[in-house]
Amino acid sequence: MDFLFAVAQPGQTGGGIVTFLPFILIMFIIYFLMIRPQTKRQKEKQAMRDNLKKGDKVITMGGIHGIIQGFKEKGKLVILKVDKNTNVNLSKTAIAGLTQHVSDEDLEQPA
């Protein structure tokens, strides 16, 4: 069967790199439109979390608003004051951002 197909289309030879050019082009487009902006956003969010300090007003991924009261376990946990008598211990990664800078997009959990 392969022999018949090859005979039916004479003159077509392997194009080498030209054959893979559309795939390479698609990979570059995916990188610059999807992967690169996502890694930039992750770096910005990590920098924000590293620069948190006592007294910052933050919002968590779950939508809880509070004020940072302190840190535990070498800065891995955040003590968040939610109400007069209510403190919550959260992982630093649960912080979506500072209250004035958080958009609805930031509150969505990554799939």
PDB file of N, CA and C in Angstrom:
ATOM      1  N   MET A   1       0.829  -1.188   0.000  1.00  0.00           N
ATOM      2  CA  MET A   1       0.000   0.000   0.000  1.00  0.00           C
ATOM      3  C   MET A   1       0.875   1.252   0.000  1.00  0.00           C
ATOM      4  N   ASP A   2       1.933   1.262   0.806  1.00  0.00           N
ATOM      5  CA  ASP A   2       2.830   2.408   0.830  1.00  0.00           C
ATOM      6  C   ASP A   2       3.513   2.592  -0.525  1.00  0.00           C
ATOM      7  N   PHE A   3       3.801   1.492  -1.152  1.00  0.00           N
ATOM      8  CA  PHE A   3       4.451   1.556  -2.462  1.00  0.00           C
ATOM      9  C   PHE A   3       3.543   2.253  -3.469  1.00  0.00           C
ATOM     10  N   LEU A   4       2.244   1.929  -3.447  1.00  0.00           N
ATOM     11  CA  LEU A   4       1.296   2.549  -4.371  1.00  0.00           C
ATOM     12  C   LEU A   4       1.163   4.043  -4.100  1.00  0.00           C
ATOM     13  N   PHE A   5       1.165   4.426  -2.826  1.00  0.00           N
ATOM     14  CA  PHE A   5       1.056   5.836  -2.470  1.00  0.00           C
ATOM     15  C   PHE A   5       2.278   6.612  -2.945  1.00  0.00           C
ATOM     16  N   ALA A   6       3.452   6.028  -2.805  1.00  0.00           N
ATOM     17  CA  ALA A   6       4.683   6.677  -3.247  1.00  0.00           C
ATOM     18  C   ALA A   6       4.726   6.805  -4.763  1.00  0.00           C
ATOM     19  N   VAL A   7       4.213   5.826  -5.451  1.00  0.00           N
ATOM     20  CA  VAL A   7       4.208   5.872  -6.910  1.00  0.00           C
ATOM     21  C   VAL A   7       3.191   6.900  -7.401  1.00  0.00           C
ATOM     22  N   ALA A   8       2.095   7.056  -6.696  1.00  0.00           N
ATOM     23  CA  ALA A   8       1.041   7.966  -7.120  1.00  0.00           C
ATOM     24  C   ALA A   8       1.469   9.426  -7.012  1.00  0.00           C
ATOM     25  N   GLN A   9       2.468   9.743  -6.175  1.00  0.00           N
ATOM     26  CA  GLN A   9       2.888  11.127  -6.002  1.00  0.00           C
ATOM     27  C   GLN A   9       4.380  11.265  -6.264  1.00  0.00           C
ATOM     28  N   PRO A  10       4.761  11.217  -7.508  1.00  0.00           N
ATOM     29  CA  PRO A  10       6.185  11.333  -7.820  1.00  0.00           C
ATOM     30  C   PRO A  10       6.670  12.774  -7.655  1.00  0.00           C
ATOM     31  N   GLY A  11       7.933  12.923  -7.366  1.00  0.00           N
ATOM     32  CA  GLY A  11       8.540  14.235  -7.293  1.00  0.00           C
ATOM     33  C   GLY A  11       8.457  14.882  -5.922  1.00  0.00           C
ATOM     34  N   GLN A  12       7.791  14.260  -4.976  1.00  0.00           N
ATOM     35  CA  GLN A  12       7.715  14.833  -3.631  1.00  0.00           C
ATOM     36  C   GLN A  12       8.781  14.185  -2.770  1.00  0.00           C
ATOM     37  N   THR A  13       9.700  15.004  -2.337  1.00  0.00           N
ATOM     38  CA  THR A  13      10.762  14.507  -1.468  1.00  0.00           C
ATOM     39  C   THR A  13      10.622  15.162  -0.113  1.00  0.00           C
ATOM     40  N   GLY A  14      11.295  14.607   0.875  1.00  0.00           N
ATOM     41  CA  GLY A  14      11.265  15.167   2.225  1.00  0.00           C
ATOM     42  C   GLY A  14      11.842  16.569   2.227  1.00  0.00           C
ATOM     43  N   GLY A  15      11.185  17.496   2.906  1.00  0.00           N
ATOM     44  CA  GLY A  15      11.605  18.878   2.905  1.00  0.00           C
ATOM     45  C   GLY A  15      12.567  19.216   4.024  1.00  0.00           C
ATOM     46  N   GLY A  16      12.894  18.255   4.868  1.00  0.00           N
ATOM     47  CA  GLY A  16      13.807  18.530   5.976  1.00  0.00           C
ATOM     48  C   GLY A  16      13.196  19.493   6.978  1.00  0.00           C
ATOM     49  N   ILE A  17      13.897  20.570   7.237  1.00  0.00           N
ATOM     50  CA  ILE A  17      13.463  21.534   8.251  1.00  0.00           C
ATOM     51  C   ILE A  17      12.217  22.302   7.806  1.00  0.00           C
ATOM     52  N   VAL A  18      12.006  22.420   6.515  1.00  0.00           N
ATOM     53  CA  VAL A  18      10.840  23.134   5.999  1.00  0.00           C
ATOM     54  C   VAL A  18       9.553  22.443   6.445  1.00  0.00           C
ATOM     55  N   THR A  19       9.605  21.134   6.580  1.00  0.00           N
ATOM     56  CA  THR A  19       8.449  20.379   7.018  1.00  0.00           C
ATOM     57  C   THR A  19       8.075  20.737   8.457  1.00  0.00           C
ATOM     58  N   PHE A  20       9.065  20.991   9.285  1.00  0.00           N
ATOM     59  CA  PHE A  20       8.812  21.283  10.692  1.00  0.00           C
ATOM     60  C   PHE A  20       8.649  22.770  10.986  1.00  0.00           C
ATOM     61  N   LEU A  21       8.826  23.619   9.995  1.00  0.00           N
ATOM     62  CA  LEU A  21       8.747  25.065  10.195  1.00  0.00           C
ATOM     63  C   LEU A  21       7.400  25.520  10.776  1.00  0.00           C
ATOM     64  N   PRO A  22       6.258  25.027  10.314  1.00  0.00           N
ATOM     65  CA  PRO A  22       4.988  25.449  10.928  1.00  0.00           C
ATOM     66  C   PRO A  22       4.900  25.065  12.413  1.00  0.00           C
ATOM     67  N   PHE A  23       5.405  23.900  12.773  1.00  0.00           N
ATOM     68  CA  PHE A  23       5.364  23.477  14.170  1.00  0.00           C
ATOM     69  C   PHE A  23       6.267  24.345  15.035  1.00  0.00           C
ATOM     70  N   ILE A  24       7.434  24.685  14.502  1.00  0.00           N
ATOM     71  CA  ILE A  24       8.362  25.550  15.231  1.00  0.00           C
ATOM     72  C   ILE A  24       7.749  26.929  15.411  1.00  0.00           C
ATOM     73  N   LEU A  25       7.110  27.434  14.376  1.00  0.00           N
ATOM     74  CA  LEU A  25       6.450  28.739  14.443  1.00  0.00           C
ATOM     75  C   LEU A  25       5.331  28.733  15.476  1.00  0.00           C
ATOM     76  N   ILE A  26       4.543  27.692  15.517  1.00  0.00           N
ATOM     77  CA  ILE A  26       3.464  27.567  16.507  1.00  0.00           C
ATOM     78  C   ILE A  26       4.029  27.536  17.919  1.00  0.00           C
ATOM     79  N   MET A  27       5.129  26.847  18.138  1.00  0.00           N
ATOM     80  CA  MET A  27       5.735  26.786  19.474  1.00  0.00           C
ATOM     81  C   MET A  27       6.218  28.166  19.927  1.00  0.00           C
ATOM     82  N   PHE A  28       6.804  28.946  19.022  1.00  0.00           N
ATOM     83  CA  PHE A  28       7.231  30.310  19.355  1.00  0.00           C
ATOM     84  C   PHE A  28       6.034  31.181  19.718  1.00  0.00           C
ATOM     85  N   ILE A  29       4.961  31.059  18.962  1.00  0.00           N
ATOM     86  CA  ILE A  29       3.751  31.844  19.241  1.00  0.00           C
ATOM     87  C   ILE A  29       3.185  31.473  20.602  1.00  0.00           C
ATOM     88  N   ILE A  30       3.103  30.184  20.902  1.00  0.00           N
ATOM     89  CA  ILE A  30       2.599  29.739  22.203  1.00  0.00           C
ATOM     90  C   ILE A  30       3.478  30.267  23.322  1.00  0.00           C
ATOM     91  N   TYR A  31       4.790  30.230  23.146  1.00  0.00           N
ATOM     92  CA  TYR A  31       5.699  30.713  24.172  1.00  0.00           C
ATOM     93  C   TYR A  31       5.481  32.196  24.453  1.00  0.00           C
ATOM     94  N   PHE A  32       5.435  33.013  23.413  1.00  0.00           N
ATOM     95  CA  PHE A  32       5.347  34.456  23.611  1.00  0.00           C
ATOM     96  C   PHE A  32       3.955  34.937  23.997  1.00  0.00           C
ATOM     97  N   LEU A  33       2.918  34.202  23.664  1.00  0.00           N
ATOM     98  CA  LEU A  33       1.571  34.633  24.009  1.00  0.00           C
ATOM     99  C   LEU A  33       1.023  34.007  25.282  1.00  0.00           C
ATOM    100  N   MET A  34       1.555  32.852  25.702  1.00  0.00           N
ATOM    101  CA  MET A  34       0.991  32.161  26.858  1.00  0.00           C
ATOM    102  C   MET A  34       1.996  31.932  27.982  1.00  0.00           C
ATOM    103  N   ILE A  35       3.101  31.326  27.686  1.00  0.00           N
ATOM    104  CA  ILE A  35       4.036  30.900  28.732  1.00  0.00           C
ATOM    105  C   ILE A  35       4.780  32.080  29.336  1.00  0.00           C
ATOM    106  N   ARG A  36       5.307  32.948  28.513  1.00  0.00           N
ATOM    107  CA  ARG A  36       6.101  34.079  29.008  1.00  0.00           C
ATOM    108  C   ARG A  36       5.293  35.029  29.894  1.00  0.00           C
ATOM    109  N   PRO A  37       4.075  35.441  29.513  1.00  0.00           N
ATOM    110  CA  PRO A  37       3.297  36.322  30.402  1.00  0.00           C
ATOM    111  C   PRO A  37       2.944  35.653  31.729  1.00  0.00           C
ATOM    112  N   GLN A  38       2.685  34.339  31.696  1.00  0.00           N
ATOM    113  CA  GLN A  38       2.348  33.627  32.930  1.00  0.00           C
ATOM    114  C   GLN A  38       3.534  33.593  33.892  1.00  0.00           C
ATOM    115  N   THR A  39       4.727  33.339  33.392  1.00  0.00           N
ATOM    116  CA  THR A  39       5.896  33.310  34.278  1.00  0.00           C
ATOM    117  C   THR A  39       6.196  34.698  34.821  1.00  0.00           C
ATOM    118  N   LYS A  40       5.964  35.731  34.025  1.00  0.00           N
ATOM    119  CA  LYS A  40       6.154  37.106  34.497  1.00  0.00           C
ATOM    120  C   LYS A  40       5.187  37.412  35.636  1.00  0.00           C
ATOM    121  N   ARG A  41       3.920  37.002  35.481  1.00  0.00           N
ATOM    122  CA  ARG A  41       2.913  37.211  36.525  1.00  0.00           C
ATOM    123  C   ARG A  41       3.283  36.464  37.799  1.00  0.00           C
ATOM    124  N   GLN A  42       3.793  35.227  37.667  1.00  0.00           N
ATOM    125  CA  GLN A  42       4.193  34.447  38.834  1.00  0.00           C
ATOM    126  C   GLN A  42       5.357  35.101  39.565  1.00  0.00           C
ATOM    127  N   LYS A  43       6.317  35.651  38.835  1.00  0.00           N
ATOM    128  CA  LYS A  43       7.448  36.333  39.465  1.00  0.00           C
ATOM    129  C   LYS A  43       6.992  37.576  40.217  1.00  0.00           C
ATOM    130  N   GLU A  44       6.056  38.332  39.642  1.00  0.00           N
ATOM    131  CA  GLU A  44       5.532  39.520  40.311  1.00  0.00           C
ATOM    132  C   GLU A  44       4.803  39.142  41.593  1.00  0.00           C
ATOM    133  N   LYS A  45       4.012  38.078  41.537  1.00  0.00           N
ATOM    134  CA  LYS A  45       3.269  37.640  42.718  1.00  0.00           C
ATOM    135  C   LYS A  45       4.218  37.146  43.805  1.00  0.00           C
ATOM    136  N   GLN A  46       5.269  36.433  43.424  1.00  0.00           N
ATOM    137  CA  GLN A  46       6.253  35.954  44.402  1.00  0.00           C
ATOM    138  C   GLN A  46       6.988  37.127  45.040  1.00  0.00           C
ATOM    139  N   ALA A  47       7.321  38.141  44.251  1.00  0.00           N
ATOM    140  CA  ALA A  47       7.988  39.327  44.794  1.00  0.00           C
ATOM    141  C   ALA A  47       7.072  40.042  45.791  1.00  0.00           C
ATOM    142  N   MET A  48       5.770  40.122  45.477  1.00  0.00           N
ATOM    143  CA  MET A  48       4.809  40.740  46.390  1.00  0.00           C
ATOM    144  C   MET A  48       4.757  39.965  47.698  1.00  0.00           C
ATOM    145  N   ARG A  49       4.714  38.637  47.625  1.00  0.00           N
ATOM    146  CA  ARG A  49       4.649  37.816  48.838  1.00  0.00           C
ATOM    147  C   ARG A  49       5.927  37.929  49.658  1.00  0.00           C
ATOM    148  N   ASP A  50       7.062  38.064  49.010  1.00  0.00           N
ATOM    149  CA  ASP A  50       8.328  38.210  49.732  1.00  0.00           C
ATOM    150  C   ASP A  50       8.426  39.563  50.434  1.00  0.00           C
ATOM    151  N   ASN A  51       7.722  40.573  49.918  1.00  0.00           N
ATOM    152  CA  ASN A  51       7.797  41.920  50.480  1.00  0.00           C
ATOM    153  C   ASN A  51       6.662  42.247  51.440  1.00  0.00           C
ATOM    154  N   LEU A  52       5.855  41.250  51.825  1.00  0.00           N
ATOM    155  CA  LEU A  52       4.794  41.504  52.798  1.00  0.00           C
ATOM    156  C   LEU A  52       5.397  41.883  54.142  1.00  0.00           C
ATOM    157  N   LYS A  53       4.701  42.790  54.837  1.00  0.00           N
ATOM    158  CA  LYS A  53       5.175  43.207  56.152  1.00  0.00           C
ATOM    159  C   LYS A  53       3.980  43.387  57.072  1.00  0.00           C
ATOM    160  N   LYS A  54       4.256  43.479  58.341  1.00  0.00           N
ATOM    161  CA  LYS A  54       3.227  43.648  59.357  1.00  0.00           C
ATOM    162  C   LYS A  54       2.449  44.934  59.083  1.00  0.00           C
ATOM    163  N   GLY A  55       1.120  44.838  59.135  1.00  0.00           N
ATOM    164  CA  GLY A  55       0.259  45.989  58.913  1.00  0.00           C
ATOM    165  C   GLY A  55      -0.308  46.087  57.504  1.00  0.00           C
ATOM    166  N   ASP A  56       0.172  45.263  56.572  1.00  0.00           N
ATOM    167  CA  ASP A  56      -0.361  45.292  55.202  1.00  0.00           C
ATOM    168  C   ASP A  56      -1.782  44.735  55.180  1.00  0.00           C
ATOM    169  N   LYS A  57      -2.651  45.388  54.415  1.00  0.00           N
ATOM    170  CA  LYS A  57      -4.015  44.896  54.217  1.00  0.00           C
ATOM    171  C   LYS A  57      -3.991  43.983  52.997  1.00  0.00           C
ATOM    172  N   VAL A  58      -4.398  42.732  53.198  1.00  0.00           N
ATOM    173  CA  VAL A  58      -4.330  41.739  52.126  1.00  0.00           C
ATOM    174  C   VAL A  58      -5.668  41.042  51.948  1.00  0.00           C
ATOM    175  N   ILE A  59      -5.772  40.335  50.833  1.00  0.00           N
ATOM    176  CA  ILE A  59      -6.913  39.469  50.568  1.00  0.00           C
ATOM    177  C   ILE A  59      -6.365  38.099  50.200  1.00  0.00           C
ATOM    178  N   THR A  60      -7.021  37.055  50.681  1.00  0.00           N
ATOM    179  CA  THR A  60      -6.555  35.689  50.421  1.00  0.00           C
ATOM    180  C   THR A  60      -7.226  35.141  49.164  1.00  0.00           C
ATOM    181  N   MET A  61      -6.763  33.975  48.730  1.00  0.00           N
ATOM    182  CA  MET A  61      -7.362  33.308  47.571  1.00  0.00           C
ATOM    183  C   MET A  61      -8.833  32.982  47.822  1.00  0.00           C
ATOM    184  N   GLY A  62      -9.187  32.777  49.076  1.00  0.00           N
ATOM    185  CA  GLY A  62     -10.569  32.454  49.430  1.00  0.00           C
ATOM    186  C   GLY A  62     -11.444  33.680  49.588  1.00  0.00           C
ATOM    187  N   GLY A  63     -10.858  34.879  49.478  1.00  0.00           N
ATOM    188  CA  GLY A  63     -11.643  36.104  49.570  1.00  0.00           C
ATOM    189  C   GLY A  63     -11.684  36.715  50.951  1.00  0.00           C
ATOM    190  N   ILE A  64     -10.869  36.239  51.873  1.00  0.00           N
ATOM    191  CA  ILE A  64     -10.843  36.783  53.230  1.00  0.00           C
ATOM    192  C   ILE A  64      -9.953  38.020  53.254  1.00  0.00           C
ATOM    193  N   HIS A  65     -10.515  39.124  53.754  1.00  0.00           N
ATOM    194  CA  HIS A  65      -9.761  40.362  53.905  1.00  0.00           C
ATOM    195  C   HIS A  65      -9.228  40.432  55.323  1.00  0.00           C
ATOM    196  N   GLY A  66      -8.006  40.913  55.472  1.00  0.00           N
ATOM    197  CA  GLY A  66      -7.439  41.035  56.802  1.00  0.00           C
ATOM    198  C   GLY A  66      -6.170  41.867  56.801  1.00  0.00           C
ATOM    199  N   ILE A  67      -5.632  42.029  58.004  1.00  0.00           N
ATOM    200  CA  ILE A  67      -4.399  42.783  58.198  1.00  0.00           C
ATOM    201  C   ILE A  67      -3.354  41.834  58.757  1.00  0.00           C
ATOM    202  N   ILE A  68      -2.149  41.877  58.215  1.00  0.00           N
ATOM    203  CA  ILE A  68      -1.081  40.996  58.670  1.00  0.00           C
ATOM    204  C   ILE A  68      -0.629  41.435  60.054  1.00  0.00           C
ATOM    205  N   GLN A  69      -0.671  40.488  61.017  1.00  0.00           N
ATOM    206  CA  GLN A  69      -0.249  40.755  62.386  1.00  0.00           C
ATOM    207  C   GLN A  69       1.170  40.274  62.651  1.00  0.00           C
ATOM    208  N   GLY A  70       1.631  39.303  61.875  1.00  0.00           N
ATOM    209  CA  GLY A  70       2.974  38.780  62.070  1.00  0.00           C
ATOM    210  C   GLY A  70       3.202  37.552  61.213  1.00  0.00           C
ATOM    211  N   PHE A  71       4.355  36.923  61.462  1.00  0.00           N
ATOM    212  CA  PHE A  71       4.754  35.750  60.693  1.00  0.00           C
ATOM    213  C   PHE A  71       5.200  34.643  61.638  1.00  0.00           C
ATOM    214  N   LYS A  72       5.063  33.396  61.199  1.00  0.00           N
ATOM    215  CA  LYS A  72       5.497  32.227  61.964  1.00  0.00           C
ATOM    216  C   LYS A  72       6.331  31.330  61.060  1.00  0.00           C
ATOM    217  N   GLU A  73       7.057  30.425  61.701  1.00  0.00           N
ATOM    218  CA  GLU A  73       7.836  29.389  61.012  1.00  0.00           C
ATOM    219  C   GLU A  73       8.717  29.981  59.902  1.00  0.00           C
ATOM    220  N   LYS A  74       9.544  30.917  60.302  1.00  0.00           N
ATOM    221  CA  LYS A  74      10.523  31.551  59.399  1.00  0.00           C
ATOM    222  C   LYS A  74       9.862  32.222  58.196  1.00  0.00           C
ATOM    223  N   GLY A  75       8.709  32.809  58.418  1.00  0.00           N
ATOM    224  CA  GLY A  75       8.033  33.554  57.356  1.00  0.00           C
ATOM    225  C   GLY A  75       7.167  32.731  56.443  1.00  0.00           C
ATOM    226  N   LYS A  76       6.985  31.441  56.712  1.00  0.00           N
ATOM    227  CA  LYS A  76       6.159  30.603  55.840  1.00  0.00           C
ATOM    228  C   LYS A  76       4.672  30.764  56.144  1.00  0.00           C
ATOM    229  N   LEU A  77       4.342  31.042  57.402  1.00  0.00           N
ATOM    230  CA  LEU A  77       2.955  31.249  57.808  1.00  0.00           C
ATOM    231  C   LEU A  77       2.726  32.718  58.109  1.00  0.00           C
ATOM    232  N   VAL A  78       1.514  33.186  57.813  1.00  0.00           N
ATOM    233  CA  VAL A  78       1.125  34.557  58.069  1.00  0.00           C
ATOM    234  C   VAL A  78       0.011  34.543  59.106  1.00  0.00           C
ATOM    235  N   ILE A  79       0.111  35.397  60.115  1.00  0.00           N
ATOM    236  CA  ILE A  79      -0.966  35.576  61.084  1.00  0.00           C
ATOM    237  C   ILE A  79      -1.799  36.747  60.584  1.00  0.00           C
ATOM    238  N   LEU A  80      -3.039  36.459  60.222  1.00  0.00           N
ATOM    239  CA  LEU A  80      -3.921  37.451  59.611  1.00  0.00           C
ATOM    240  C   LEU A  80      -5.018  37.823  60.594  1.00  0.00           C
ATOM    241  N   LYS A  81      -5.143  39.109  60.899  1.00  0.00           N
ATOM    242  CA  LYS A  81      -6.208  39.584  61.786  1.00  0.00           C
ATOM    243  C   LYS A  81      -7.425  39.860  60.918  1.00  0.00           C
ATOM    244  N   VAL A  82      -8.494  39.089  61.182  1.00  0.00           N
ATOM    245  CA  VAL A  82      -9.698  39.184  60.386  1.00  0.00           C
ATOM    246  C   VAL A  82     -10.721  40.089  61.067  1.00  0.00           C
ATOM    247  N   ASP A  83     -10.799  39.995  62.395  1.00  0.00           N
ATOM    248  CA  ASP A  83     -11.753  40.763  63.178  1.00  0.00           C
ATOM    249  C   ASP A  83     -11.062  41.178  64.470  1.00  0.00           C
ATOM    250  N   LYS A  84     -11.786  41.846  65.365  1.00  0.00           N
ATOM    251  CA  LYS A  84     -11.178  42.283  66.623  1.00  0.00           C
ATOM    252  C   LYS A  84     -10.480  41.155  67.361  1.00  0.00           C
ATOM    253  N   ASN A  85     -11.174  40.064  67.533  1.00  0.00           N
ATOM    254  CA  ASN A  85     -10.660  38.945  68.330  1.00  0.00           C
ATOM    255  C   ASN A  85     -10.369  37.701  67.495  1.00  0.00           C
ATOM    256  N   THR A  86     -10.268  37.838  66.207  1.00  0.00           N
ATOM    257  CA  THR A  86     -10.082  36.670  65.346  1.00  0.00           C
ATOM    258  C   THR A  86      -8.796  36.791  64.538  1.00  0.00           C
ATOM    259  N   ASN A  87      -7.902  35.849  64.769  1.00  0.00           N
ATOM    260  CA  ASN A  87      -6.670  35.740  63.987  1.00  0.00           C
ATOM    261  C   ASN A  87      -6.679  34.407  63.260  1.00  0.00           C
ATOM    262  N   VAL A  88      -6.162  34.404  62.050  1.00  0.00           N
ATOM    263  CA  VAL A  88      -6.117  33.194  61.237  1.00  0.00           C
ATOM    264  C   VAL A  88      -4.672  32.977  60.801  1.00  0.00           C
ATOM    265  N   ASN A  89      -4.193  31.736  60.945  1.00  0.00           N
ATOM    266  CA  ASN A  89      -2.861  31.379  60.445  1.00  0.00           C
ATOM    267  C   ASN A  89      -3.015  30.809  59.041  1.00  0.00           C
ATOM    268  N   LEU A  90      -2.309  31.408  58.101  1.00  0.00           N
ATOM    269  CA  LEU A  90      -2.391  30.982  56.703  1.00  0.00           C
ATOM    270  C   LEU A  90      -0.999  30.784  56.131  1.00  0.00           C
ATOM    271  N   SER A  91      -0.927  29.947  55.134  1.00  0.00           N
ATOM    272  CA  SER A  91       0.312  29.828  54.376  1.00  0.00           C
ATOM    273  C   SER A  91       0.486  31.112  53.568  1.00  0.00           C
ATOM    274  N   LYS A  92       1.710  31.528  53.398  1.00  0.00           N
ATOM    275  CA  LYS A  92       1.986  32.759  52.648  1.00  0.00           C
ATOM    276  C   LYS A  92       1.504  32.641  51.202  1.00  0.00           C
ATOM    277  N   THR A  93       1.466  31.435  50.667  1.00  0.00           N
ATOM    278  CA  THR A  93       1.027  31.243  49.283  1.00  0.00           C
ATOM    279  C   THR A  93      -0.482  31.427  49.120  1.00  0.00           C
ATOM    280  N   ALA A  94      -1.233  31.485  50.223  1.00  0.00           N
ATOM    281  CA  ALA A  94      -2.679  31.693  50.150  1.00  0.00           C
ATOM    282  C   ALA A  94      -3.040  33.161  49.967  1.00  0.00           C
ATOM    283  N   ILE A  95      -2.052  34.044  50.047  1.00  0.00           N
ATOM    284  CA  ILE A  95      -2.300  35.473  49.884  1.00  0.00           C
ATOM    285  C   ILE A  95      -2.396  35.783  48.391  1.00  0.00           C
ATOM    286  N   ALA A  96      -3.531  36.365  47.971  1.00  0.00           N
ATOM    287  CA  ALA A  96      -3.713  36.730  46.563  1.00  0.00           C
ATOM    288  C   ALA A  96      -3.023  38.051  46.255  1.00  0.00           C
ATOM    289  N   GLY A  97      -3.017  38.955  47.217  1.00  0.00           N
ATOM    290  CA  GLY A  97      -2.354  40.232  46.985  1.00  0.00           C
ATOM    291  C   GLY A  97      -2.782  41.276  47.983  1.00  0.00           C
ATOM    292  N   LEU A  98      -2.227  42.446  47.827  1.00  0.00           N
ATOM    293  CA  LEU A  98      -2.619  43.574  48.651  1.00  0.00           C
ATOM    294  C   LEU A  98      -4.027  43.991  48.254  1.00  0.00           C
ATOM    295  N   THR A  99      -4.821  44.436  49.225  1.00  0.00           N
ATOM    296  CA  THR A  99      -6.244  44.693  48.989  1.00  0.00           C
ATOM    297  C   THR A  99      -6.493  45.642  47.828  1.00  0.00           C
ATOM    298  N   GLN A 100      -5.742  46.724  47.726  1.00  0.00           N
ATOM    299  CA  GLN A 100      -6.006  47.711  46.679  1.00  0.00           C
ATOM    300  C   GLN A 100      -5.535  47.262  45.302  1.00  0.00           C
ATOM    301  N   HIS A 101      -4.745  46.198  45.212  1.00  0.00           N
ATOM    302  CA  HIS A 101      -4.164  45.783  43.929  1.00  0.00           C
ATOM    303  C   HIS A 101      -4.732  44.470  43.393  1.00  0.00           C
ATOM    304  N   VAL A 102      -5.703  43.867  44.060  1.00  0.00           N
ATOM    305  CA  VAL A 102      -6.203  42.547  43.674  1.00  0.00           C
ATOM    306  C   VAL A 102      -7.365  42.684  42.698  1.00  0.00           C
ATOM    307  N   SER A 103      -7.305  41.917  41.610  1.00  0.00           N
ATOM    308  CA  SER A 103      -8.408  41.869  40.657  1.00  0.00           C
ATOM    309  C   SER A 103      -9.108  40.513  40.797  1.00  0.00           C
ATOM    310  N   ASP A 104     -10.233  40.368  40.144  1.00  0.00           N
ATOM    311  CA  ASP A 104     -10.970  39.092  40.193  1.00  0.00           C
ATOM    312  C   ASP A 104     -10.151  37.960  39.591  1.00  0.00           C
ATOM    313  N   GLU A 105      -9.299  38.280  38.605  1.00  0.00           N
ATOM    314  CA  GLU A 105      -8.445  37.284  37.968  1.00  0.00           C
ATOM    315  C   GLU A 105      -7.476  36.658  38.972  1.00  0.00           C
ATOM    316  N   ASP A 106      -6.968  37.478  39.908  1.00  0.00           N
ATOM    317  CA  ASP A 106      -6.002  36.991  40.890  1.00  0.00           C
ATOM    318  C   ASP A 106      -6.624  36.034  41.880  1.00  0.00           C
ATOM    319  N   LEU A 107      -7.934  36.125  42.090  1.00  0.00           N
ATOM    320  CA  LEU A 107      -8.595  35.275  43.077  1.00  0.00           C
ATOM    321  C   LEU A 107      -8.929  33.897  42.530  1.00  0.00           C
ATOM    322  N   GLU A 108      -8.842  33.702  41.219  1.00  0.00           N
ATOM    323  CA  GLU A 108      -9.141  32.398  40.631  1.00  0.00           C
ATOM    324  C   GLU A 108      -8.008  31.431  40.897  1.00  0.00           C
ATOM    325  N   GLN A 109      -8.373  30.217  41.282  1.00  0.00           N
ATOM    326  CA  GLN A 109      -7.391  29.164  41.533  1.00  0.00           C
ATOM    327  C   GLN A 109      -6.883  28.638  40.203  1.00  0.00           C
ATOM    328  N   PRO A 110      -5.563  28.416  40.078  1.00  0.00           N
ATOM    329  CA  PRO A 110      -5.041  27.816  38.839  1.00  0.00           C
ATOM    330  C   PRO A 110      -5.519  26.377  38.697  1.00  0.00           C
ATOM    331  N   ALA A 111      -5.809  25.975  37.493  1.00  0.00           N
ATOM    332  CA  ALA A 111      -6.312  24.613  37.259  1.00  0.00           C
ATOM    333  C   ALA A 111      -5.196  23.614  37.267  1.00  0.00           C
TER     334      ALA A 111
END
